[in-house]
N, C-alpha and C. Protein backbone atom coordinates (compact mmCIF):
# COMPACT_ATOMS: atom_id res chain seq x y z
N MET A 1 18.88 41.45 34.55
CA MET A 1 17.78 42.40 34.45
C MET A 1 16.58 41.74 33.77
N ASN A 2 15.40 42.03 34.27
CA ASN A 2 14.18 41.44 33.72
C ASN A 2 13.61 42.33 32.62
N ASN A 3 13.15 41.70 31.55
CA ASN A 3 12.65 42.46 30.39
C ASN A 3 11.14 42.73 30.44
N GLU A 4 10.47 42.36 31.53
CA GLU A 4 9.00 42.40 31.51
C GLU A 4 8.44 43.79 31.23
N ARG A 5 9.05 44.82 31.78
CA ARG A 5 8.55 46.18 31.53
C ARG A 5 8.74 46.57 30.06
N LEU A 6 9.89 46.18 29.49
CA LEU A 6 10.11 46.45 28.07
C LEU A 6 9.14 45.67 27.18
N GLU A 7 8.86 44.41 27.58
CA GLU A 7 7.89 43.60 26.83
C GLU A 7 6.52 44.27 26.84
N PHE A 8 6.12 44.77 27.99
CA PHE A 8 4.83 45.45 28.16
C PHE A 8 4.75 46.64 27.20
N LEU A 9 5.82 47.41 27.15
CA LEU A 9 5.87 48.59 26.29
C LEU A 9 5.91 48.18 24.82
N GLY A 10 6.77 47.23 24.49
CA GLY A 10 6.90 46.77 23.10
C GLY A 10 5.61 46.20 22.56
N ASP A 11 4.88 45.48 23.40
CA ASP A 11 3.59 44.91 23.01
C ASP A 11 2.62 46.02 22.61
N ALA A 12 2.60 47.10 23.40
CA ALA A 12 1.69 48.22 23.13
C ALA A 12 2.08 48.94 21.84
N VAL A 13 3.39 49.17 21.66
CA VAL A 13 3.87 49.87 20.45
C VAL A 13 3.57 49.03 19.21
N LEU A 14 3.86 47.72 19.29
CA LEU A 14 3.59 46.82 18.17
C LEU A 14 2.11 46.82 17.83
N GLY A 15 1.27 46.69 18.86
CA GLY A 15 -0.18 46.66 18.64
C GLY A 15 -0.68 47.92 17.94
N LEU A 16 -0.18 49.06 18.39
CA LEU A 16 -0.60 50.34 17.79
C LEU A 16 -0.15 50.44 16.33
N VAL A 17 1.12 50.14 16.06
CA VAL A 17 1.65 50.29 14.69
C VAL A 17 0.97 49.32 13.73
N VAL A 18 0.79 48.07 14.17
CA VAL A 18 0.14 47.07 13.30
C VAL A 18 -1.31 47.46 13.04
N THR A 19 -2.01 47.93 14.08
CA THR A 19 -3.40 48.36 13.91
C THR A 19 -3.48 49.53 12.92
N ASP A 20 -2.60 50.49 13.10
CA ASP A 20 -2.57 51.66 12.23
C ASP A 20 -2.25 51.25 10.78
N MET A 21 -1.27 50.35 10.63
CA MET A 21 -0.89 49.87 9.31
C MET A 21 -2.06 49.17 8.62
N ALA A 22 -2.73 48.29 9.37
CA ALA A 22 -3.86 47.54 8.81
C ALA A 22 -4.97 48.51 8.40
N TYR A 23 -5.25 49.48 9.25
CA TYR A 23 -6.32 50.45 8.99
C TYR A 23 -6.03 51.25 7.72
N ARG A 24 -4.77 51.67 7.56
CA ARG A 24 -4.42 52.50 6.39
C ARG A 24 -4.24 51.68 5.12
N ASP A 25 -3.62 50.50 5.25
CA ASP A 25 -3.32 49.69 4.05
C ASP A 25 -4.56 49.05 3.45
N PHE A 26 -5.56 48.79 4.28
CA PHE A 26 -6.76 48.09 3.80
C PHE A 26 -8.02 48.90 4.14
N PRO A 27 -8.24 50.02 3.42
CA PRO A 27 -9.33 50.93 3.77
C PRO A 27 -10.73 50.32 3.64
N ASP A 28 -10.85 49.25 2.84
CA ASP A 28 -12.19 48.65 2.65
C ASP A 28 -12.44 47.46 3.57
N MET A 29 -11.46 47.11 4.40
CA MET A 29 -11.61 45.92 5.25
C MET A 29 -12.50 46.23 6.45
N PRO A 30 -13.55 45.40 6.68
CA PRO A 30 -14.42 45.66 7.84
C PRO A 30 -13.70 45.42 9.17
N GLU A 31 -14.26 45.98 10.22
CA GLU A 31 -13.62 45.95 11.55
C GLU A 31 -13.31 44.53 12.02
N GLY A 32 -14.23 43.60 11.81
CA GLY A 32 -14.01 42.22 12.24
C GLY A 32 -12.80 41.59 11.56
N GLU A 33 -12.64 41.87 10.26
CA GLU A 33 -11.49 41.34 9.52
C GLU A 33 -10.19 42.00 9.96
N LEU A 34 -10.27 43.31 10.24
CA LEU A 34 -9.08 44.02 10.74
C LEU A 34 -8.60 43.39 12.05
N ALA A 35 -9.56 43.07 12.93
CA ALA A 35 -9.22 42.46 14.23
C ALA A 35 -8.55 41.10 14.02
N LYS A 36 -9.07 40.31 13.05
CA LYS A 36 -8.48 39.00 12.75
C LYS A 36 -7.07 39.15 12.21
N LEU A 37 -6.89 40.15 11.32
CA LEU A 37 -5.59 40.40 10.72
C LEU A 37 -4.58 40.78 11.80
N ARG A 38 -4.99 41.68 12.69
CA ARG A 38 -4.08 42.09 13.77
C ARG A 38 -3.71 40.89 14.63
N ALA A 39 -4.70 40.07 14.96
CA ALA A 39 -4.44 38.89 15.81
C ALA A 39 -3.47 37.92 15.13
N ALA A 40 -3.53 37.84 13.79
CA ALA A 40 -2.65 36.92 13.07
C ALA A 40 -1.20 37.43 13.05
N ILE A 41 -1.04 38.74 13.15
CA ILE A 41 0.29 39.33 13.05
C ILE A 41 0.91 39.55 14.43
N VAL A 42 0.06 39.93 15.40
CA VAL A 42 0.56 40.22 16.76
C VAL A 42 0.23 39.03 17.66
N ASN A 43 0.87 37.89 17.40
CA ASN A 43 0.65 36.75 18.29
C ASN A 43 2.00 36.09 18.56
N MET A 44 1.99 35.15 19.50
CA MET A 44 3.25 34.57 19.95
C MET A 44 4.01 33.89 18.81
N SER A 45 3.31 33.11 17.97
CA SER A 45 4.05 32.37 16.95
C SER A 45 4.61 33.31 15.88
N ALA A 46 3.86 34.36 15.52
CA ALA A 46 4.37 35.31 14.52
C ALA A 46 5.58 36.06 15.07
N LEU A 47 5.47 36.51 16.33
CA LEU A 47 6.60 37.23 16.96
C LEU A 47 7.82 36.32 17.07
N ALA A 48 7.58 35.07 17.44
CA ALA A 48 8.69 34.11 17.59
C ALA A 48 9.36 33.87 16.25
N GLU A 49 8.56 33.82 15.18
CA GLU A 49 9.13 33.60 13.86
C GLU A 49 10.03 34.75 13.43
N VAL A 50 9.55 35.98 13.69
CA VAL A 50 10.37 37.15 13.36
C VAL A 50 11.66 37.10 14.16
N ALA A 51 11.54 36.77 15.45
CA ALA A 51 12.73 36.68 16.32
C ALA A 51 13.71 35.62 15.80
N ARG A 52 13.18 34.48 15.34
CA ARG A 52 14.04 33.42 14.78
C ARG A 52 14.77 33.93 13.55
N ASP A 53 14.03 34.62 12.68
CA ASP A 53 14.65 35.14 11.45
C ASP A 53 15.79 36.11 11.77
N LEU A 54 15.67 36.80 12.88
CA LEU A 54 16.69 37.78 13.27
C LEU A 54 17.81 37.16 14.10
N GLY A 55 17.64 35.89 14.48
CA GLY A 55 18.65 35.23 15.31
C GLY A 55 18.65 35.73 16.75
N LEU A 56 17.49 36.21 17.23
CA LEU A 56 17.43 36.77 18.59
C LEU A 56 17.71 35.74 19.68
N GLY A 57 17.36 34.48 19.41
CA GLY A 57 17.54 33.44 20.42
C GLY A 57 18.98 33.33 20.89
N ASP A 58 19.91 33.61 19.97
CA ASP A 58 21.34 33.51 20.33
C ASP A 58 21.78 34.64 21.26
N LEU A 59 20.99 35.70 21.34
CA LEU A 59 21.40 36.88 22.11
C LEU A 59 20.75 36.97 23.49
N VAL A 60 19.78 36.09 23.73
CA VAL A 60 19.03 36.16 24.99
C VAL A 60 19.83 35.52 26.13
N LEU A 61 19.89 36.21 27.27
CA LEU A 61 20.54 35.64 28.45
C LEU A 61 19.53 34.76 29.18
N LEU A 62 19.86 33.48 29.31
CA LEU A 62 18.94 32.53 29.95
C LEU A 62 19.62 31.87 31.14
N GLY A 63 18.79 31.41 32.08
CA GLY A 63 19.30 30.59 33.18
C GLY A 63 19.82 29.28 32.60
N LYS A 64 20.70 28.62 33.35
CA LYS A 64 21.35 27.41 32.84
C LYS A 64 20.34 26.34 32.42
N GLY A 65 19.37 26.10 33.27
CA GLY A 65 18.37 25.06 32.98
C GLY A 65 17.58 25.38 31.72
N GLU A 66 17.14 26.63 31.61
CA GLU A 66 16.36 27.06 30.45
C GLU A 66 17.20 26.95 29.17
N GLY A 67 18.46 27.34 29.28
CA GLY A 67 19.35 27.28 28.13
C GLY A 67 19.56 25.85 27.65
N MET A 68 19.71 24.92 28.60
CA MET A 68 19.98 23.53 28.24
C MET A 68 18.75 22.81 27.74
N SER A 69 17.56 23.33 28.08
CA SER A 69 16.34 22.62 27.67
C SER A 69 15.73 23.24 26.40
N GLY A 70 16.56 23.89 25.61
CA GLY A 70 16.08 24.41 24.31
C GLY A 70 15.35 25.74 24.40
N GLY A 71 15.60 26.49 25.48
CA GLY A 71 14.91 27.76 25.68
C GLY A 71 15.13 28.78 24.58
N ARG A 72 16.30 28.67 23.91
CA ARG A 72 16.62 29.66 22.86
C ARG A 72 15.70 29.56 21.66
N ASP A 73 15.00 28.42 21.54
CA ASP A 73 14.07 28.29 20.41
C ASP A 73 12.62 28.17 20.88
N LYS A 74 12.41 28.49 22.15
CA LYS A 74 11.05 28.39 22.70
C LYS A 74 10.24 29.61 22.27
N ALA A 75 9.06 29.37 21.67
CA ALA A 75 8.26 30.46 21.10
C ALA A 75 7.96 31.56 22.11
N SER A 76 7.62 31.17 23.34
CA SER A 76 7.23 32.19 24.33
C SER A 76 8.42 33.10 24.69
N ILE A 77 9.61 32.51 24.80
CA ILE A 77 10.81 33.30 25.13
C ILE A 77 11.18 34.21 23.97
N LEU A 78 11.13 33.66 22.74
CA LEU A 78 11.47 34.46 21.56
C LEU A 78 10.48 35.61 21.36
N ALA A 79 9.20 35.33 21.56
CA ALA A 79 8.18 36.38 21.38
C ALA A 79 8.38 37.50 22.41
N ASP A 80 8.65 37.12 23.65
CA ASP A 80 8.91 38.12 24.70
C ASP A 80 10.14 38.95 24.36
N ALA A 81 11.18 38.28 23.88
CA ALA A 81 12.42 38.99 23.53
C ALA A 81 12.16 39.99 22.40
N MET A 82 11.34 39.57 21.41
CA MET A 82 11.03 40.46 20.29
C MET A 82 10.29 41.70 20.79
N GLU A 83 9.33 41.50 21.69
CA GLU A 83 8.59 42.64 22.25
C GLU A 83 9.53 43.56 23.03
N ALA A 84 10.45 42.97 23.79
CA ALA A 84 11.39 43.77 24.57
C ALA A 84 12.28 44.62 23.66
N VAL A 85 12.71 44.03 22.53
CA VAL A 85 13.53 44.78 21.57
C VAL A 85 12.74 45.96 21.02
N LEU A 86 11.49 45.72 20.67
CA LEU A 86 10.65 46.80 20.12
C LEU A 86 10.45 47.90 21.17
N GLY A 87 10.26 47.49 22.43
CA GLY A 87 10.13 48.47 23.51
C GLY A 87 11.41 49.29 23.67
N ALA A 88 12.55 48.61 23.55
CA ALA A 88 13.85 49.29 23.70
C ALA A 88 14.09 50.27 22.55
N VAL A 89 13.73 49.86 21.32
CA VAL A 89 13.89 50.75 20.16
C VAL A 89 13.03 51.99 20.34
N TYR A 90 11.80 51.78 20.82
CA TYR A 90 10.89 52.91 21.06
C TYR A 90 11.48 53.88 22.09
N LEU A 91 11.99 53.33 23.19
CA LEU A 91 12.57 54.18 24.25
C LEU A 91 13.81 54.92 23.76
N ASP A 92 14.65 54.20 23.01
CA ASP A 92 15.95 54.73 22.63
C ASP A 92 15.87 55.67 21.42
N ARG A 93 15.03 55.29 20.45
CA ARG A 93 15.01 56.01 19.17
C ARG A 93 13.69 56.74 18.90
N GLY A 94 12.66 56.45 19.69
CA GLY A 94 11.40 57.14 19.48
C GLY A 94 10.44 56.36 18.59
N MET A 95 9.23 56.92 18.47
CA MET A 95 8.14 56.23 17.78
C MET A 95 8.43 56.05 16.28
N ASP A 96 9.05 57.03 15.65
CA ASP A 96 9.29 56.92 14.21
C ASP A 96 10.18 55.73 13.88
N ALA A 97 11.26 55.56 14.65
CA ALA A 97 12.18 54.45 14.41
C ALA A 97 11.49 53.11 14.69
N ALA A 98 10.70 53.07 15.77
CA ALA A 98 9.97 51.84 16.11
C ALA A 98 8.98 51.50 15.00
N ARG A 99 8.29 52.51 14.50
CA ARG A 99 7.31 52.29 13.43
C ARG A 99 8.00 51.75 12.17
N LYS A 100 9.12 52.36 11.80
CA LYS A 100 9.84 51.92 10.59
C LYS A 100 10.28 50.46 10.71
N LEU A 101 10.82 50.12 11.88
CA LEU A 101 11.29 48.76 12.10
C LEU A 101 10.12 47.77 12.04
N ILE A 102 9.03 48.10 12.72
CA ILE A 102 7.86 47.21 12.74
C ILE A 102 7.29 47.06 11.34
N GLU A 103 7.23 48.15 10.60
CA GLU A 103 6.71 48.07 9.23
C GLU A 103 7.58 47.16 8.37
N ARG A 104 8.90 47.28 8.51
CA ARG A 104 9.80 46.45 7.70
C ARG A 104 9.65 44.97 8.05
N LEU A 105 9.51 44.67 9.34
CA LEU A 105 9.47 43.28 9.77
C LEU A 105 8.09 42.64 9.62
N PHE A 106 7.03 43.44 9.80
CA PHE A 106 5.69 42.84 9.87
C PHE A 106 4.79 43.11 8.67
N ARG A 107 5.06 44.20 7.90
CA ARG A 107 4.17 44.47 6.76
C ARG A 107 4.17 43.32 5.74
N PRO A 108 5.35 42.77 5.37
CA PRO A 108 5.33 41.66 4.40
C PRO A 108 4.47 40.49 4.88
N ARG A 109 4.51 40.22 6.18
CA ARG A 109 3.69 39.12 6.72
C ARG A 109 2.21 39.45 6.63
N MET A 110 1.91 40.73 6.87
CA MET A 110 0.52 41.17 6.81
C MET A 110 -0.02 41.01 5.39
N LEU A 111 0.80 41.43 4.41
CA LEU A 111 0.37 41.33 3.01
C LEU A 111 0.23 39.86 2.58
N ALA A 112 1.17 39.03 3.06
CA ALA A 112 1.09 37.60 2.73
C ALA A 112 -0.17 36.99 3.35
N TYR A 113 -0.49 37.38 4.58
CA TYR A 113 -1.68 36.86 5.26
C TYR A 113 -2.95 37.26 4.50
N VAL A 114 -3.02 38.53 4.14
CA VAL A 114 -4.20 39.04 3.43
C VAL A 114 -4.33 38.36 2.07
N GLY A 115 -3.18 38.05 1.47
CA GLY A 115 -3.20 37.36 0.17
C GLY A 115 -3.51 35.88 0.31
N GLY A 116 -3.80 35.43 1.52
CA GLY A 116 -4.17 34.03 1.74
C GLY A 116 -2.97 33.10 1.77
N GLU A 117 -1.80 33.68 1.97
CA GLU A 117 -0.59 32.87 1.90
C GLU A 117 -0.25 32.20 3.22
N GLY A 118 -0.91 32.61 4.30
CA GLY A 118 -0.50 32.11 5.61
C GLY A 118 0.76 32.82 6.04
N GLU A 119 1.33 32.45 7.18
CA GLU A 119 2.43 33.24 7.71
C GLU A 119 3.80 32.63 7.40
N ARG A 120 3.83 31.58 6.58
CA ARG A 120 5.13 30.96 6.34
C ARG A 120 5.52 30.95 4.86
N ASP A 121 4.84 31.73 4.02
CA ASP A 121 5.21 31.75 2.62
C ASP A 121 6.32 32.76 2.42
N TYR A 122 7.56 32.27 2.55
CA TYR A 122 8.70 33.18 2.52
C TYR A 122 8.96 33.78 1.14
N LYS A 123 8.52 33.09 0.08
CA LYS A 123 8.70 33.67 -1.26
C LYS A 123 7.91 34.96 -1.39
N THR A 124 6.67 34.93 -0.91
CA THR A 124 5.83 36.14 -0.96
C THR A 124 6.39 37.22 -0.04
N ILE A 125 6.75 36.82 1.18
CA ILE A 125 7.28 37.76 2.16
C ILE A 125 8.55 38.43 1.61
N LEU A 126 9.44 37.61 1.01
CA LEU A 126 10.69 38.16 0.48
C LEU A 126 10.42 39.11 -0.69
N GLN A 127 9.46 38.73 -1.53
CA GLN A 127 9.14 39.59 -2.69
C GLN A 127 8.68 40.97 -2.22
N GLU A 128 7.82 40.98 -1.19
CA GLU A 128 7.33 42.27 -0.67
C GLU A 128 8.49 43.09 -0.10
N LEU A 129 9.33 42.44 0.70
CA LEU A 129 10.42 43.16 1.37
C LEU A 129 11.45 43.65 0.35
N ALA A 130 11.77 42.80 -0.63
CA ALA A 130 12.79 43.17 -1.63
C ALA A 130 12.31 44.34 -2.49
N SER A 131 11.03 44.32 -2.89
CA SER A 131 10.55 45.41 -3.73
C SER A 131 10.47 46.70 -2.92
N GLN A 132 10.19 46.57 -1.63
CA GLN A 132 10.08 47.74 -0.74
C GLN A 132 11.47 48.31 -0.43
N ASP A 133 12.44 47.44 -0.14
CA ASP A 133 13.76 47.89 0.32
C ASP A 133 14.76 48.09 -0.82
N LEU A 134 14.73 47.16 -1.78
CA LEU A 134 15.77 47.17 -2.82
C LEU A 134 15.22 47.54 -4.19
N HIS A 135 13.90 47.68 -4.28
CA HIS A 135 13.24 47.93 -5.57
C HIS A 135 13.70 46.88 -6.60
N ALA A 136 13.80 45.65 -6.14
CA ALA A 136 14.22 44.54 -7.01
C ALA A 136 13.36 43.32 -6.71
N LEU A 137 13.12 42.51 -7.72
CA LEU A 137 12.37 41.28 -7.51
C LEU A 137 13.34 40.10 -7.37
N PRO A 138 13.01 39.16 -6.50
CA PRO A 138 13.89 37.99 -6.33
C PRO A 138 13.95 37.16 -7.62
N GLU A 139 15.13 36.64 -7.92
CA GLU A 139 15.29 35.76 -9.07
C GLU A 139 15.86 34.44 -8.54
N TYR A 140 15.17 33.33 -8.86
CA TYR A 140 15.59 32.03 -8.36
C TYR A 140 16.33 31.25 -9.45
N ARG A 141 17.50 30.72 -9.09
CA ARG A 141 18.24 29.86 -10.04
C ARG A 141 18.32 28.47 -9.42
N LEU A 142 17.95 27.47 -10.21
CA LEU A 142 17.84 26.10 -9.69
C LEU A 142 18.88 25.17 -10.30
N LYS A 143 19.37 24.28 -9.46
CA LYS A 143 20.20 23.18 -9.93
C LYS A 143 19.54 21.91 -9.44
N GLU A 144 19.59 20.87 -10.23
CA GLU A 144 19.04 19.59 -9.76
C GLU A 144 20.06 18.50 -9.97
N ARG A 145 19.97 17.49 -9.11
CA ARG A 145 20.87 16.35 -9.28
C ARG A 145 20.16 15.09 -8.80
N GLY A 146 20.72 13.96 -9.20
CA GLY A 146 20.14 12.68 -8.79
C GLY A 146 19.18 12.14 -9.83
N PRO A 147 18.85 10.83 -9.73
CA PRO A 147 17.91 10.21 -10.67
C PRO A 147 16.49 10.74 -10.45
N ASP A 148 15.62 10.53 -11.44
CA ASP A 148 14.26 11.09 -11.40
C ASP A 148 13.51 10.78 -10.10
N HIS A 149 13.65 9.55 -9.61
CA HIS A 149 12.87 9.18 -8.42
C HIS A 149 13.49 9.71 -7.13
N GLN A 150 14.69 10.30 -7.23
CA GLN A 150 15.37 10.78 -6.02
C GLN A 150 16.05 12.12 -6.27
N LYS A 151 15.33 12.99 -6.96
CA LYS A 151 15.91 14.29 -7.33
C LYS A 151 16.11 15.16 -6.09
N GLU A 152 17.21 15.90 -6.15
CA GLU A 152 17.47 16.92 -5.12
C GLU A 152 17.65 18.25 -5.82
N PHE A 153 17.00 19.27 -5.27
CA PHE A 153 17.07 20.59 -5.89
C PHE A 153 17.83 21.55 -4.97
N THR A 154 18.64 22.40 -5.57
CA THR A 154 19.29 23.49 -4.85
C THR A 154 18.86 24.79 -5.51
N ALA A 155 18.31 25.69 -4.72
CA ALA A 155 17.88 26.99 -5.25
C ALA A 155 18.73 28.09 -4.63
N THR A 156 19.14 29.03 -5.47
CA THR A 156 19.83 30.23 -4.97
C THR A 156 18.98 31.41 -5.39
N VAL A 157 18.69 32.29 -4.43
CA VAL A 157 17.88 33.48 -4.76
C VAL A 157 18.79 34.69 -4.88
N TYR A 158 18.62 35.41 -5.97
CA TYR A 158 19.42 36.61 -6.24
C TYR A 158 18.54 37.85 -6.11
N LEU A 159 19.09 38.88 -5.50
CA LEU A 159 18.42 40.17 -5.44
C LEU A 159 19.39 41.20 -6.02
N ALA A 160 18.93 41.90 -7.03
CA ALA A 160 19.77 42.90 -7.72
C ALA A 160 21.12 42.29 -8.11
N GLY A 161 21.07 41.05 -8.61
CA GLY A 161 22.28 40.41 -9.12
C GLY A 161 23.17 39.74 -8.08
N LYS A 162 22.83 39.89 -6.78
CA LYS A 162 23.67 39.30 -5.73
C LYS A 162 22.96 38.11 -5.10
N PRO A 163 23.69 37.02 -4.83
CA PRO A 163 23.06 35.88 -4.15
C PRO A 163 22.80 36.22 -2.68
N TRP A 164 21.56 35.98 -2.22
CA TRP A 164 21.18 36.31 -0.83
C TRP A 164 20.80 35.10 0.00
N GLY A 165 20.42 34.03 -0.66
CA GLY A 165 20.01 32.86 0.12
C GLY A 165 20.08 31.60 -0.72
N ARG A 166 20.26 30.48 -0.03
CA ARG A 166 20.33 29.19 -0.71
C ARG A 166 19.48 28.18 0.05
N GLY A 167 18.84 27.29 -0.69
CA GLY A 167 18.02 26.27 -0.04
C GLY A 167 18.08 24.96 -0.79
N HIS A 168 17.82 23.87 -0.07
CA HIS A 168 17.82 22.53 -0.67
C HIS A 168 16.47 21.88 -0.40
N GLY A 169 16.06 20.99 -1.29
CA GLY A 169 14.79 20.30 -1.05
C GLY A 169 14.53 19.21 -2.06
N ARG A 170 13.51 18.42 -1.77
CA ARG A 170 13.11 17.33 -2.67
C ARG A 170 12.26 17.87 -3.83
N SER A 171 11.79 19.11 -3.68
CA SER A 171 11.02 19.72 -4.75
C SER A 171 11.57 21.12 -5.00
N LYS A 172 11.27 21.66 -6.21
CA LYS A 172 11.71 23.02 -6.51
C LYS A 172 11.13 23.99 -5.50
N LYS A 173 9.86 23.79 -5.19
CA LYS A 173 9.16 24.71 -4.28
C LYS A 173 9.84 24.74 -2.91
N GLU A 174 10.15 23.56 -2.40
CA GLU A 174 10.78 23.47 -1.07
C GLU A 174 12.14 24.18 -1.07
N ALA A 175 12.93 23.95 -2.13
CA ALA A 175 14.26 24.57 -2.22
C ALA A 175 14.14 26.10 -2.31
N GLU A 176 13.17 26.58 -3.10
CA GLU A 176 12.98 28.03 -3.26
C GLU A 176 12.51 28.67 -1.96
N GLN A 177 11.61 27.97 -1.24
CA GLN A 177 11.12 28.52 0.04
C GLN A 177 12.27 28.66 1.04
N GLN A 178 13.14 27.64 1.08
CA GLN A 178 14.28 27.69 2.01
C GLN A 178 15.22 28.84 1.65
N ALA A 179 15.47 29.00 0.35
CA ALA A 179 16.34 30.09 -0.11
C ALA A 179 15.73 31.44 0.25
N ALA A 180 14.42 31.55 0.05
CA ALA A 180 13.73 32.81 0.36
C ALA A 180 13.79 33.11 1.85
N ARG A 181 13.65 32.07 2.66
CA ARG A 181 13.69 32.28 4.11
C ARG A 181 15.06 32.81 4.55
N GLU A 182 16.13 32.22 3.99
CA GLU A 182 17.48 32.66 4.35
C GLU A 182 17.70 34.12 3.92
N ALA A 183 17.26 34.44 2.71
CA ALA A 183 17.43 35.81 2.20
C ALA A 183 16.62 36.80 3.02
N PHE A 184 15.41 36.40 3.40
CA PHE A 184 14.56 37.27 4.22
C PHE A 184 15.21 37.55 5.57
N ALA A 185 15.81 36.51 6.16
CA ALA A 185 16.48 36.68 7.45
C ALA A 185 17.62 37.68 7.33
N LYS A 186 18.40 37.59 6.24
CA LYS A 186 19.52 38.51 6.05
C LYS A 186 19.04 39.94 5.84
N LEU A 187 18.00 40.10 5.04
CA LEU A 187 17.44 41.44 4.81
C LEU A 187 16.93 42.04 6.12
N SER A 188 16.26 41.20 6.92
CA SER A 188 15.71 41.67 8.20
C SER A 188 16.83 42.10 9.15
N GLU A 189 17.91 41.32 9.17
CA GLU A 189 19.06 41.68 10.02
C GLU A 189 19.63 43.03 9.61
N GLU A 190 19.73 43.26 8.30
CA GLU A 190 20.26 44.54 7.82
C GLU A 190 19.35 45.69 8.24
N ALA A 191 18.03 45.45 8.18
CA ALA A 191 17.07 46.49 8.57
C ALA A 191 17.25 46.84 10.04
N VAL A 192 17.43 45.83 10.88
CA VAL A 192 17.62 46.06 12.31
C VAL A 192 18.91 46.82 12.57
N ARG A 193 19.99 46.39 11.86
CA ARG A 193 21.28 47.05 12.03
C ARG A 193 21.18 48.52 11.63
N ALA A 194 20.52 48.79 10.51
CA ALA A 194 20.37 50.17 10.03
C ALA A 194 19.60 51.01 11.04
N THR A 195 18.56 50.40 11.63
CA THR A 195 17.75 51.13 12.63
C THR A 195 18.59 51.41 13.88
N ALA A 196 19.35 50.38 14.31
CA ALA A 196 20.17 50.54 15.52
C ALA A 196 21.23 51.63 15.33
N GLU A 197 21.71 51.74 14.09
CA GLU A 197 22.73 52.75 13.83
C GLU A 197 22.13 54.11 13.51
N GLY A 198 20.80 54.16 13.57
CA GLY A 198 20.12 55.43 13.33
C GLY A 198 20.01 55.77 11.86
N GLY A 199 20.07 54.71 11.03
CA GLY A 199 20.03 54.94 9.59
C GLY A 199 18.63 55.02 9.07
């Protein structure tokens, strides 16, 4: 079955919810800036990133050639799949469920973008999502090993006392970003599961 009709619908629902969110969340932002903000959130790379965080690539049915040539991580395929999922949620659960899901997945990115963080600052994104969903702030615990010139850092991020993500890196920042990304992906998966179950 082809997802193009669902993608068409999901694209429209996403555009409406993100526009509405931007309009309400940033009452002093001029129209030109609102348009830029929407474009930064509703684009192929942002959609593909959300899809990656949710592990959507593993669920997409692909032709043999596409599957073997790395199609599961191709931005255009992931973005289309994300739009199709949003279209399906809208059809199956209605506008309220679609809005809730879009707000959970895209509002943290919107706030990070407006804060000048760009779309890949997972520490900021996780902080927004954790305070919104769990009313808790992320806590990072670091371990380091190796000599000074070859230090390796391992960061574990805790939310409400529970470990949610782990990351490794040559710097504290890199390790914390990786940990935040893993935790964000898990939180996002839970949000999707809750929505699918009508929670």
